[in-house]
Every structure is written in structure tokens, then in C-alpha cells.
Amino acid sequence: MTESGHANSTHHPLPIRRLLAIACVMAAGIAGLWILIDRFSDVDMDAPTPPPATDSPIATPTADGIVPPRAGSLAGLLGYVPDLLADDALPLADVAWYADIDQWMTARSLAAPVTPDESAMGAWRAELASLALTATFAEHGLDQAWRDAYGFDLTQVHQVLVAGQAPDYVTILRGGFDREALYDAWVASGYQAVEAEGATIWTLFPGDTIDLSNPASRPAMGMLNNVVLLEDGTLVGAAKLPRLRSALRVANGSAPSLADNAMVASLIGPATNSGDLVSAVISRGRLFQAMPSDVPESAVPRPAPPTLGHMLRSLADEAALAAGMPEVVLALTGIPPPAPETRDATPAVATPRASPDHPMRLLLAFDNRDDARSARRVIEQRFQEHRSPVTGSAYGERYGTTRVRVLDVPGDPALVAIDASLQRGTGDWLVMLAERDAGFAFWLDPDIANDD
């Protein structure tokens, strides 16, 4: 036992020294690690590895940072028109009529007829009733006399915008035009080539007059008395040569366009979604100005007061409508394209149906946001409580379920958007405009309202 005990006492010190040495090495290692961590503590060790660079193209903004409108859109065609609002050339309500024929017919699965006598011409032509075309284009744009005089017809037109008021129109056309066919027809029709604003203008009457004495002037009622085909294929026409010259200055960038007008720009800006409209009409606010003949008894659901002046005051000043309807400055009415239809393959039944519940949009521009808020309240209450001054029925019978809101857009003027649905088919929005069936937005001139 003694030897065994002596042996144990002689071996204890060695393991202890080894353990101490190992502990010192570990401590030194840990100290070194802490020093390393402290030195590189500003490095995010858990940051994900950035993705490799790609060759995906990035849209290049224009010099002013604004994405240009789609070619052929409402905003795009307004960019060719002189600012007719600025020069006070529009004493009446009409400002511009726009139609994207190509987009509408594509949605309807209708190809443009190649010859006038095709059986498909009837169905194709019937669809034009849903689009904002001036009577001249709608009634004569497919005539042989039109083709002979101008070298094209409506089947070759993809988009059309007519701005101004009779007889001083500016017409913008985009389509599948044959440049040589146009020139040949213009020469045969007696057009003269005139150099102006860096382009060749073809004119029937050089000057500031509108003359229908030339047979070539009559199919378009003078609207194409002066024409120019721009380098990008856009055809611009005007009744007066000076007006066409002003359109060329717009195209050259030396004059503002109607799209640049602050009021118009608000109506066609991104917040309004006007880029998806297939047809639209821009009108001055006087279209909604209530005159004595515009406010029959049916406009007010309660018994009519004894005098017209009293009735007008009742409509404008009744407590439920607060301060009444503010003045509408400018308006845009339009429709998007129809949803694609499934058609029967049999040509005899391929005629498109009138679409009920087709969306319709009405944008009203006011001087300021307070006016827009007041207008929204008035319009909502009139939709609920009043009847149409045209039909004598509730507005919903024609407009369907409506949504009225103030658009949150930067700057003035403020906009009220009215979303509705056409209960009588896709062409009824144009009938509404013609009948001025929008009593819910009528505003009253104070001088008229105070006249007994």
C-alpha cells in the first residue's frame, strides 16, 4: 500500500501542469478570437450575397422624366393639336372627339373590310355607332367619293381625333395609309403643294377661308381642305391653312399642344386612367350649365314652385345640397374597350350584340378641391333623390350603379370622377351627351338663378 501510495503522490503534479497549459492555450486562443471579432465588428457577416448583374433593359426616361403617351391614345393625339383653349377659339362646348377604331374592332373580333361590298361591312359599320366620330366621318368616311378625293377611307383609319368647332376643325388621323396613294389622290383632286413650317402642306384653298366649291372639299365638309402627312405617318388636316400651320408648329415643338394645357392635362393624367379609354369627348363646362330650358319640372322630385326663377333657386340652394353645384370648368366623357366576345363561326350570326352594363367614365374639372368636394356631395344626392330631366326616370335606369369620388391628383384643378355603367348599350353614352342627360352635374349661373 505504501509503494502504491508513493507512486500516486509522484504522478499527481504532472496532469495538473498539463491541464494548466491547455487552459492557457485555450485562453490565448479565445483572446485572439475576441480581438479578431472586435477588429472586424463593422462587417455584416449575415448580409445576403447581392444578385449578379443582369442584362435586363431598363426604360430610359425622357429628358423631362415623363413617359410619353402611347401612340394613338387620346393623350398622344391631343399632342398634335394646338391649344385651342388658350387662344379662345372655342365659344361652344365641344373641344375634342376621339375614337380608337382599331382597338374597338379588335375587341369585337371584327377585321376591317377590304372592299366596300363585303358582307362584313354591315357589322363593322354598325360598331361605329359606339365611337365618338363626327357626323362627317361616320356618314361619309366609307363613301367612294371620299376614297377618290383623299386616297383613303375609314377602314384604313386606326385612331381619329377631331378638335375644335365647326367649321374650324383640326383632324388627327393615324392608320395604315399608303403614302403614294394619298399623294396621287391629292394631285388628282386639285390640291396644291405649299412649303410651310418645314413640311409640304397640300391645300385646296391657300388662305384663311373655308370654301366648299371644289368637289374634293365636299365629302369631308371642308375638314380636309388642308392636309399634311408627317414623317411618323400621322395625317393632319384642317379646314383653314393657318390652323394647319399652327398644328405643324406643335409637331415641331415650337408651340404648346392641347395636351399641354393645364386643364386638359389634368383630365388625361395618369390618375384618371384615361389611357385605357377607347373613345372620349372633351367638353367645356358650359355643357353642364343649366339654362331655363334645361330644368323642366321632372328635374326636381317635389312639386314645382310657381315661378321658373324660384324653381332654379330651389335646385341650387336647397339645404340638402349645401352650397349648390360649383361651376364645371372642363369635362371628359369616355368608355373603355369592350370585353372580347365569343362569336358564332357562322357569318350570318356574327353581328355583335349591344353590351349592357358597359363601363362609362365622366371626369369633371373644377377650379379647386373645395369645389370638387362640394360637387361630389351634390352629385351623389342628386343621383339618389332626383330624376333625369330628359327621361323623367331615376338616373340609375340609364347610368346603373354609380361611384362618385374626388381624385387625389397634384395641383389644380381638382377632379370628380363618376364611374357608371351603360344600361342601354354601348352607344348610349353619345346619346346622353347629345341629349345633355346629366342634370346631376348641372350648375346654375347666379344671374339666371336670381332672375324671377
Protein backbone atom coordinates (compact mmCIF):
# COMPACT_ATOMS: atom_id res chain seq x y z
CA MET A 1 0.00 0.00 0.00
CA THR A 2 2.93 2.30 0.82
CA GLU A 3 4.52 1.85 -2.57
CA SER A 4 1.21 2.28 -4.18
CA GLY A 5 0.56 5.48 -2.25
CA HIS A 6 4.02 6.83 -3.05
CA ALA A 7 3.52 6.12 -6.70
CA ASN A 8 0.22 8.06 -6.73
CA SER A 9 1.81 11.03 -4.99
CA THR A 10 4.59 11.21 -7.55
CA HIS A 11 2.19 11.22 -10.61
CA HIS A 12 -0.39 13.89 -9.49
CA PRO A 13 1.63 17.04 -10.29
CA LEU A 14 2.08 16.15 -13.99
CA PRO A 15 -1.62 16.07 -15.05
CA ILE A 16 -2.24 19.33 -13.23
CA ARG A 17 0.55 21.11 -15.09
CA ARG A 18 -0.72 19.75 -18.41
CA LEU A 19 -4.25 20.91 -17.68
CA LEU A 20 -2.98 24.36 -16.78
CA ALA A 21 -1.01 24.55 -20.02
CA ILE A 22 -4.02 23.52 -22.10
CA ALA A 23 -6.15 26.08 -20.31
CA CYS A 24 -3.59 28.83 -21.06
CA VAL A 25 -3.52 27.89 -24.75
CA MET A 26 -7.32 27.96 -24.93
CA ALA A 27 -7.46 31.31 -23.16
CA ALA A 28 -4.93 32.74 -25.57
CA GLY A 29 -6.95 31.41 -28.49
CA ILE A 30 -10.17 32.86 -27.16
CA ALA A 31 -8.48 36.21 -26.53
CA GLY A 32 -7.17 36.23 -30.06
CA LEU A 33 -10.63 35.44 -31.42
CA TRP A 34 -12.16 38.30 -29.46
CA ILE A 35 -9.52 40.65 -30.83
CA LEU A 36 -10.33 39.48 -34.36
CA ILE A 37 -14.06 39.91 -33.82
CA ASP A 38 -13.55 43.38 -32.36
CA ARG A 39 -11.39 44.38 -35.31
CA PHE A 40 -13.99 43.34 -37.90
CA SER A 41 -17.13 44.12 -35.93
CA ASP A 42 -18.30 46.64 -38.63
CA VAL A 43 -18.67 43.90 -41.22
CA ASP A 44 -22.17 42.43 -41.64
CA MET A 45 -21.36 38.79 -41.78
CA ASP A 46 -25.04 37.82 -42.34
CA ALA A 47 -25.69 40.14 -45.28
CA PRO A 48 -27.01 38.23 -48.28
CA THR A 49 -24.84 37.98 -51.32
CA PRO A 50 -26.02 40.57 -53.86
CA PRO A 51 -27.54 39.09 -57.02
CA PRO A 52 -25.38 39.10 -60.10
CA ALA A 53 -25.86 41.95 -62.53
CA THR A 54 -28.28 41.24 -65.35
CA ASP A 55 -28.65 42.49 -68.88
CA SER A 56 -32.35 43.32 -68.45
CA PRO A 57 -33.15 46.56 -70.31
CA ILE A 58 -34.22 49.49 -68.18
CA ALA A 59 -36.71 52.01 -69.54
CA THR A 60 -34.95 55.23 -70.37
CA PRO A 61 -36.96 58.25 -69.23
CA THR A 62 -37.34 61.27 -71.46
CA ALA A 63 -35.30 64.41 -70.81
CA ASP A 64 -38.03 65.78 -68.52
CA GLY A 65 -38.57 62.42 -66.82
CA ILE A 66 -42.05 61.93 -68.28
CA VAL A 67 -43.02 58.75 -70.10
CA PRO A 68 -44.61 59.73 -73.42
CA PRO A 69 -48.21 58.61 -74.03
CA ARG A 70 -49.00 55.57 -76.11
CA ALA A 71 -49.07 56.31 -79.83
CA GLY A 72 -52.66 56.63 -80.94
CA SER A 73 -54.02 57.18 -77.42
CA LEU A 74 -56.18 60.16 -76.53
CA ALA A 75 -53.24 61.93 -74.91
CA GLY A 76 -51.00 61.01 -77.83
CA LEU A 77 -53.28 62.57 -80.45
CA LEU A 78 -54.01 65.64 -78.35
CA GLY A 79 -50.25 66.24 -78.52
CA TYR A 80 -50.62 67.17 -82.21
CA VAL A 81 -53.39 69.74 -81.68
CA PRO A 82 -52.76 73.45 -80.99
CA ASP A 83 -54.00 74.69 -77.62
CA LEU A 84 -57.42 75.84 -78.80
CA LEU A 85 -58.47 76.69 -75.25
CA ALA A 86 -55.65 79.17 -74.79
CA ASP A 87 -56.46 81.21 -77.89
CA ASP A 88 -60.17 81.40 -77.04
CA ALA A 89 -61.13 79.68 -80.30
CA LEU A 90 -63.92 77.59 -78.76
CA PRO A 91 -67.03 79.64 -78.00
CA LEU A 92 -69.20 76.49 -77.77
CA ALA A 93 -68.91 73.38 -75.60
CA ASP A 94 -67.12 70.98 -77.96
CA VAL A 95 -63.36 70.63 -77.55
CA ALA A 96 -62.35 67.25 -78.99
CA TRP A 97 -63.80 63.91 -80.12
CA TYR A 98 -61.61 60.79 -80.04
CA ALA A 99 -62.08 57.22 -81.27
CA ASP A 100 -59.70 54.26 -81.37
CA ILE A 101 -61.44 52.32 -84.14
CA ASP A 102 -58.73 49.66 -84.34
CA GLN A 103 -58.85 48.79 -80.62
CA TRP A 104 -62.64 48.67 -80.56
CA MET A 105 -62.90 46.44 -83.63
CA THR A 106 -60.17 44.14 -82.33
CA ALA A 107 -62.10 43.67 -79.08
CA ARG A 108 -65.20 42.94 -81.15
CA SER A 109 -63.23 40.41 -83.27
CA LEU A 110 -64.03 42.35 -86.43
CA ALA A 111 -61.44 42.86 -89.16
CA ALA A 112 -61.68 45.96 -91.32
CA PRO A 113 -63.44 45.06 -94.60
CA VAL A 114 -61.12 45.06 -97.60
CA THR A 115 -63.77 46.07 -100.12
CA PRO A 116 -66.92 48.15 -99.60
CA ASP A 117 -69.28 45.42 -100.79
CA GLU A 118 -68.14 42.73 -98.35
CA SER A 119 -70.87 41.19 -96.22
CA ALA A 120 -68.79 42.04 -93.14
CA MET A 121 -69.12 45.75 -93.88
CA GLY A 122 -72.55 45.94 -92.24
CA ALA A 123 -71.37 44.55 -88.90
CA TRP A 124 -68.18 46.63 -88.97
CA ARG A 125 -70.05 49.82 -89.81
CA ALA A 126 -72.68 49.20 -87.12
CA GLU A 127 -69.96 49.24 -84.45
CA LEU A 128 -69.02 52.80 -85.33
CA ALA A 129 -72.19 53.96 -83.55
CA SER A 130 -70.46 53.31 -80.21
CA LEU A 131 -67.50 55.57 -81.03
CA ALA A 132 -67.15 59.35 -80.91
CA LEU A 133 -66.91 60.13 -84.60
CA THR A 134 -68.10 63.39 -86.06
CA ALA A 135 -71.12 63.06 -88.31
CA THR A 136 -68.95 63.80 -91.34
CA PHE A 137 -66.69 60.80 -90.74
CA ALA A 138 -69.49 58.49 -89.62
CA GLU A 139 -71.77 59.28 -92.56
CA HIS A 140 -69.30 59.78 -95.42
CA GLY A 141 -65.97 58.22 -94.39
CA LEU A 142 -66.77 55.00 -96.28
CA ASP A 143 -68.12 56.62 -99.46
CA GLN A 144 -66.41 56.13 -102.81
CA ALA A 145 -66.30 59.90 -103.26
CA TRP A 146 -64.27 60.10 -100.03
CA ARG A 147 -61.78 57.49 -101.24
CA ASP A 148 -61.43 59.20 -104.61
CA ALA A 149 -60.85 62.64 -103.09
CA TYR A 150 -58.44 61.76 -100.27
CA GLY A 151 -56.83 58.41 -101.11
CA PHE A 152 -58.11 56.55 -98.04
CA ASP A 153 -61.32 55.71 -96.23
CA LEU A 154 -62.40 54.96 -92.67
CA THR A 155 -61.44 51.28 -92.86
CA GLN A 156 -57.78 52.35 -93.01
CA VAL A 157 -58.05 54.67 -90.00
CA HIS A 158 -56.88 53.24 -86.69
CA GLN A 159 -57.43 56.29 -84.48
CA VAL A 160 -59.05 59.67 -85.14
CA LEU A 161 -59.30 62.85 -83.12
CA VAL A 162 -61.26 65.90 -84.26
CA ALA A 163 -60.66 69.07 -82.24
CA GLY A 164 -62.34 72.44 -82.45
CA GLN A 165 -65.77 73.53 -83.59
CA ALA A 166 -67.47 73.79 -86.97
CA PRO A 167 -66.25 74.87 -89.35
CA ASP A 168 -62.74 75.40 -87.90
CA TYR A 169 -61.67 71.82 -87.20
CA VAL A 170 -58.27 70.18 -86.73
CA THR A 171 -58.26 66.46 -87.56
CA ILE A 172 -55.58 63.97 -86.47
CA LEU A 173 -55.57 60.53 -88.11
CA ARG A 174 -53.38 57.50 -87.58
CA GLY A 175 -53.73 54.39 -89.68
CA GLY A 176 -52.47 52.14 -92.43
CA PHE A 177 -52.09 54.83 -95.06
CA ASP A 178 -50.39 54.35 -98.42
CA ARG A 179 -48.29 57.49 -98.83
CA GLU A 180 -48.18 57.28 -102.62
CA ALA A 181 -51.92 56.63 -102.85
CA LEU A 182 -52.55 59.73 -100.76
CA TYR A 183 -50.34 61.93 -102.92
CA ASP A 184 -51.84 60.59 -106.15
CA ALA A 185 -55.37 61.28 -104.92
CA TRP A 186 -54.47 64.77 -103.72
CA VAL A 187 -52.91 65.70 -107.04
CA ALA A 188 -55.92 64.33 -108.92
CA SER A 189 -58.28 66.26 -106.61
CA GLY A 190 -56.56 69.57 -107.29
CA TYR A 191 -54.55 70.03 -104.09
CA GLN A 192 -51.59 72.38 -104.35
CA ALA A 193 -48.29 71.67 -102.59
CA VAL A 194 -47.17 74.52 -100.33
CA GLU A 195 -43.99 74.56 -98.24
CA ALA A 196 -44.59 75.79 -94.71
CA GLU A 197 -43.12 75.17 -91.25
CA GLY A 198 -40.55 72.79 -92.73
CA ALA A 199 -43.15 70.49 -94.30
CA THR A 200 -45.16 70.11 -97.50
CA ILE A 201 -48.78 71.08 -97.00
CA TRP A 202 -51.38 70.07 -99.57
CA THR A 203 -54.15 72.65 -99.83
CA LEU A 204 -57.30 73.18 -101.84
CA PHE A 205 -57.62 76.82 -100.80
CA PRO A 206 -54.46 78.64 -99.67
CA GLY A 207 -55.71 81.20 -97.21
CA ASP A 208 -57.97 81.69 -94.21
CA THR A 209 -61.25 80.83 -95.92
CA ILE A 210 -63.36 77.69 -95.91
CA ASP A 211 -64.66 77.06 -99.40
CA LEU A 212 -66.75 74.07 -100.47
CA SER A 213 -66.79 74.96 -104.15
CA ASN A 214 -64.16 72.33 -105.01
CA PRO A 215 -65.78 68.85 -105.33
CA ALA A 216 -62.90 67.38 -103.29
CA SER A 217 -63.85 69.63 -100.38
CA ARG A 218 -67.41 68.33 -100.04
CA PRO A 219 -67.05 64.72 -98.78
CA ALA A 220 -65.29 65.92 -95.61
CA MET A 221 -67.26 69.21 -95.48
CA GLY A 222 -64.02 71.19 -95.65
CA MET A 223 -62.34 69.36 -92.75
CA LEU A 224 -59.59 68.08 -95.08
CA ASN A 225 -59.18 71.19 -97.22
CA ASN A 226 -55.58 71.36 -95.96
CA VAL A 227 -53.61 68.22 -95.17
CA VAL A 228 -50.08 67.16 -94.31
CA LEU A 229 -48.60 63.70 -93.81
CA LEU A 230 -45.99 63.83 -91.06
CA GLU A 231 -42.83 61.75 -91.08
CA ASP A 232 -44.26 59.41 -88.43
CA GLY A 233 -47.22 58.60 -90.69
CA THR A 234 -49.74 60.80 -88.85
CA LEU A 235 -52.16 62.60 -91.16
CA VAL A 236 -53.16 66.08 -90.01
CA GLY A 237 -55.99 68.00 -91.63
CA ALA A 238 -57.55 71.39 -91.05
CA ALA A 239 -60.31 73.46 -92.56
CA LYS A 240 -58.08 76.56 -92.62
CA LEU A 241 -54.47 76.76 -93.75
CA PRO A 242 -53.36 78.96 -90.79
CA ARG A 243 -54.75 76.36 -88.39
CA LEU A 244 -52.76 73.61 -90.10
CA ARG A 245 -49.62 75.74 -89.89
CA SER A 246 -50.20 76.11 -86.14
CA ALA A 247 -50.52 72.32 -85.86
CA LEU A 248 -47.18 71.95 -87.61
CA ARG A 249 -45.59 74.29 -85.09
CA VAL A 250 -46.90 72.00 -82.36
CA ALA A 251 -45.44 68.98 -84.16
CA ASN A 252 -42.11 70.81 -84.44
CA GLY A 253 -42.09 71.55 -80.72
CA SER A 254 -42.26 75.31 -81.16
CA ALA A 255 -45.82 75.76 -79.82
CA PRO A 256 -47.81 74.20 -76.96
CA SER A 257 -50.34 71.49 -77.69
CA LEU A 258 -53.82 70.96 -76.33
CA ALA A 259 -52.34 68.13 -74.23
CA ASP A 260 -50.06 70.72 -72.59
CA ASN A 261 -52.99 72.83 -71.42
CA ALA A 262 -53.08 72.52 -67.63
CA MET A 263 -56.80 71.84 -67.51
CA VAL A 264 -56.67 69.21 -70.26
CA ALA A 265 -53.54 67.67 -68.78
CA SER A 266 -55.38 67.06 -65.52
CA LEU A 267 -58.13 65.17 -67.37
CA ILE A 268 -55.72 62.90 -69.24
CA GLY A 269 -53.13 62.42 -66.46
CA PRO A 270 -52.17 59.01 -65.04
CA ALA A 271 -54.53 59.33 -62.04
CA THR A 272 -57.58 59.41 -64.34
CA ASN A 273 -56.78 56.18 -66.20
CA SER A 274 -57.80 57.93 -69.40
CA GLY A 275 -55.13 55.98 -71.25
CA ASP A 276 -57.43 52.96 -71.33
CA LEU A 277 -60.31 54.85 -72.98
CA VAL A 278 -61.17 53.66 -76.46
CA SER A 279 -63.37 56.68 -77.18
CA ALA A 280 -63.88 60.01 -75.45
CA VAL A 281 -65.31 63.50 -75.76
CA ILE A 282 -63.78 66.55 -74.09
CA SER A 283 -66.22 69.39 -73.46
CA ARG A 284 -66.18 72.79 -71.88
CA GLY A 285 -68.07 73.07 -68.62
CA ARG A 286 -70.83 75.08 -70.23
CA LEU A 287 -72.20 71.76 -71.49
CA PHE A 288 -73.44 71.30 -67.91
CA GLN A 289 -74.65 74.85 -67.37
CA ALA A 290 -78.36 74.75 -66.55
CA MET A 291 -80.48 77.07 -68.61
CA PRO A 292 -84.24 77.59 -68.19
CA SER A 293 -84.97 75.05 -70.92
CA ASP A 294 -82.67 72.52 -69.22
CA VAL A 295 -84.56 72.37 -65.93
CA PRO A 296 -88.05 71.02 -66.55
CA GLU A 297 -90.30 70.09 -63.68
CA SER A 298 -89.05 66.47 -63.71
CA ALA A 299 -85.60 67.66 -62.62
CA VAL A 300 -86.99 68.24 -59.12
CA PRO A 301 -88.78 65.30 -57.48
CA ARG A 302 -91.05 67.52 -55.37
CA PRO A 303 -93.82 69.79 -56.77
CA ALA A 304 -92.53 72.62 -58.92
CA PRO A 305 -92.56 76.14 -57.42
CA PRO A 306 -94.81 78.67 -59.13
CA THR A 307 -92.04 80.56 -60.98
CA LEU A 308 -89.06 79.42 -63.01
CA GLY A 309 -86.64 81.58 -61.03
CA HIS A 310 -87.93 80.12 -57.78
CA MET A 311 -87.51 76.60 -59.19
CA LEU A 312 -83.92 77.30 -60.18
CA ARG A 313 -83.14 78.70 -56.75
CA SER A 314 -84.72 75.65 -55.18
CA LEU A 315 -82.48 73.35 -57.18
CA ALA A 316 -79.35 75.34 -56.38
CA ASP A 317 -79.94 76.37 -52.79
CA GLU A 318 -81.94 73.68 -51.02
CA ALA A 319 -80.35 72.80 -47.70
CA ALA A 320 -79.69 69.17 -48.65
CA LEU A 321 -77.37 70.32 -51.42
CA ALA A 322 -75.42 72.67 -49.13
CA ALA A 323 -73.93 75.48 -51.22
CA GLY A 324 -75.17 74.06 -54.53
CA MET A 325 -73.25 72.77 -57.52
CA PRO A 326 -69.99 74.60 -58.32
CA GLU A 327 -69.21 75.55 -61.90
CA VAL A 328 -67.78 72.75 -64.06
CA VAL A 329 -64.78 74.09 -65.98
CA LEU A 330 -63.96 71.18 -68.29
CA ALA A 331 -65.23 67.61 -68.68
CA LEU A 332 -64.18 64.33 -70.24
CA THR A 333 -66.66 61.57 -71.01
CA GLY A 334 -65.46 58.22 -72.33
CA ILE A 335 -65.64 54.45 -72.44
CA PRO A 336 -63.03 51.67 -72.30
CA PRO A 337 -62.96 48.93 -74.95
CA PRO A 338 -65.48 46.10 -74.65
CA ALA A 339 -64.53 42.75 -73.23
CA PRO A 340 -63.67 40.29 -76.02
CA GLU A 341 -66.70 38.34 -77.16
CA THR A 342 -67.10 34.69 -78.15
CA ARG A 343 -68.66 34.66 -81.58
CA ASP A 344 -70.51 32.04 -83.54
CA ALA A 345 -68.47 30.95 -86.53
CA THR A 346 -71.47 31.37 -88.83
CA PRO A 347 -71.15 34.75 -90.62
CA ALA A 348 -74.91 35.21 -90.59
CA VAL A 349 -74.98 35.49 -86.79
CA ALA A 350 -71.65 37.25 -86.29
CA THR A 351 -73.20 40.67 -85.74
CA PRO A 352 -72.06 41.93 -82.29
CA ARG A 353 -74.66 42.44 -79.65
CA ALA A 354 -75.25 45.70 -77.81
CA SER A 355 -73.49 45.28 -74.47
CA PRO A 356 -75.49 46.25 -71.37
CA ASP A 357 -73.58 47.39 -68.29
CA HIS A 358 -70.64 48.63 -70.34
CA PRO A 359 -68.46 50.92 -68.18
CA MET A 360 -68.58 54.67 -68.68
CA ARG A 361 -66.41 57.33 -67.08
CA LEU A 362 -67.17 61.01 -66.58
CA LEU A 363 -64.47 63.36 -65.29
CA LEU A 364 -65.40 66.87 -64.17
CA ALA A 365 -62.73 69.51 -63.59
CA PHE A 366 -63.24 72.29 -61.06
CA ASP A 367 -61.27 75.34 -60.03
CA ASN A 368 -60.18 73.90 -56.70
CA ARG A 369 -60.51 70.95 -54.37
CA ASP A 370 -63.16 72.59 -52.20
CA ASP A 371 -65.38 72.96 -55.26
CA ALA A 372 -64.73 69.33 -56.17
CA ARG A 373 -65.74 68.13 -52.69
CA SER A 374 -68.92 70.20 -52.81
CA ALA A 375 -69.70 68.89 -56.28
CA ARG A 376 -69.29 65.28 -55.16
CA ARG A 377 -71.84 65.78 -52.38
CA VAL A 378 -74.31 67.43 -54.74
CA ILE A 379 -73.91 64.79 -57.44
CA GLU A 380 -74.31 61.90 -55.00
CA GLN A 381 -77.50 63.36 -53.58
CA ARG A 382 -78.94 64.14 -56.99
CA PHE A 383 -78.26 60.59 -58.14
CA GLN A 384 -80.16 59.32 -55.10
CA GLU A 385 -83.07 61.78 -54.93
CA HIS A 386 -83.55 63.43 -58.32
CA ARG A 387 -84.77 62.20 -61.66
CA SER A 388 -83.32 62.77 -65.09
CA PRO A 389 -84.62 65.98 -66.69
CA VAL A 390 -84.59 64.10 -70.02
CA THR A 391 -86.23 60.76 -69.22
CA GLY A 392 -88.17 61.68 -66.10
CA SER A 393 -86.86 58.48 -64.50
CA ALA A 394 -84.26 57.81 -61.86
CA TYR A 395 -80.72 58.24 -63.15
CA GLY A 396 -79.93 54.62 -62.32
CA GLU A 397 -82.27 53.49 -65.10
CA ARG A 398 -79.71 54.75 -67.59
CA TYR A 399 -76.46 55.08 -65.65
CA GLY A 400 -76.72 51.96 -63.50
CA THR A 401 -74.88 51.88 -60.20
CA THR A 402 -72.56 54.86 -59.93
CA ARG A 403 -69.46 55.66 -57.93
CA VAL A 404 -68.58 59.32 -57.32
CA ARG A 405 -65.21 60.34 -55.91
CA VAL A 406 -62.74 63.20 -55.79
CA LEU A 407 -59.47 62.17 -57.44
CA ASP A 408 -56.33 62.80 -55.45
CA VAL A 409 -54.23 64.47 -58.12
CA PRO A 410 -51.49 67.04 -57.56
CA GLY A 411 -52.26 70.66 -58.24
CA ASP A 412 -55.41 72.32 -59.50
CA PRO A 413 -57.92 71.89 -60.95
CA ALA A 414 -59.47 69.18 -58.80
CA LEU A 415 -61.35 66.35 -60.47
CA VAL A 416 -64.53 64.47 -59.69
CA ALA A 417 -64.72 61.02 -61.28
CA ILE A 418 -68.09 59.38 -61.91
CA ASP A 419 -67.98 55.70 -62.84
CA ALA A 420 -71.23 54.37 -64.27
CA SER A 421 -72.49 51.54 -66.47
CA LEU A 422 -74.47 51.96 -69.66
CA GLN A 423 -77.81 50.21 -69.26
CA ARG A 424 -78.97 50.81 -72.84
CA GLY A 425 -75.96 49.59 -74.79
CA THR A 426 -72.52 50.85 -75.66
CA GLY A 427 -73.66 53.64 -77.96
CA ASP A 428 -75.95 55.31 -75.43
CA TRP A 429 -73.18 57.44 -73.91
CA LEU A 430 -73.12 59.51 -77.10
CA VAL A 431 -76.90 59.87 -77.00
CA MET A 432 -76.62 61.04 -73.39
CA LEU A 433 -74.20 63.75 -74.47
CA ALA A 434 -76.41 64.82 -77.35
CA GLU A 435 -79.44 64.98 -75.04
CA ARG A 436 -77.41 66.53 -72.21
CA ASP A 437 -78.85 63.94 -69.86
CA ALA A 438 -76.55 64.89 -66.99
CA GLY A 439 -78.76 67.00 -64.77
CA PHE A 440 -76.94 65.58 -61.73
CA ALA A 441 -73.98 67.78 -62.74
CA PHE A 442 -75.86 70.89 -63.84
CA TRP A 443 -74.59 74.10 -62.32
CA LEU A 444 -76.50 77.35 -62.26
CA ASP A 445 -75.35 80.77 -63.29
CA PRO A 446 -76.15 83.03 -60.31
CA ASP A 447 -77.57 85.68 -62.65
CA ILE A 448 -80.08 83.17 -64.01
CA ALA A 449 -80.89 81.67 -60.61
CA ASN A 450 -81.72 85.12 -59.22
CA ASP A 451 -83.94 86.10 -62.12
CA ASP A 452 -87.64 85.63 -61.37
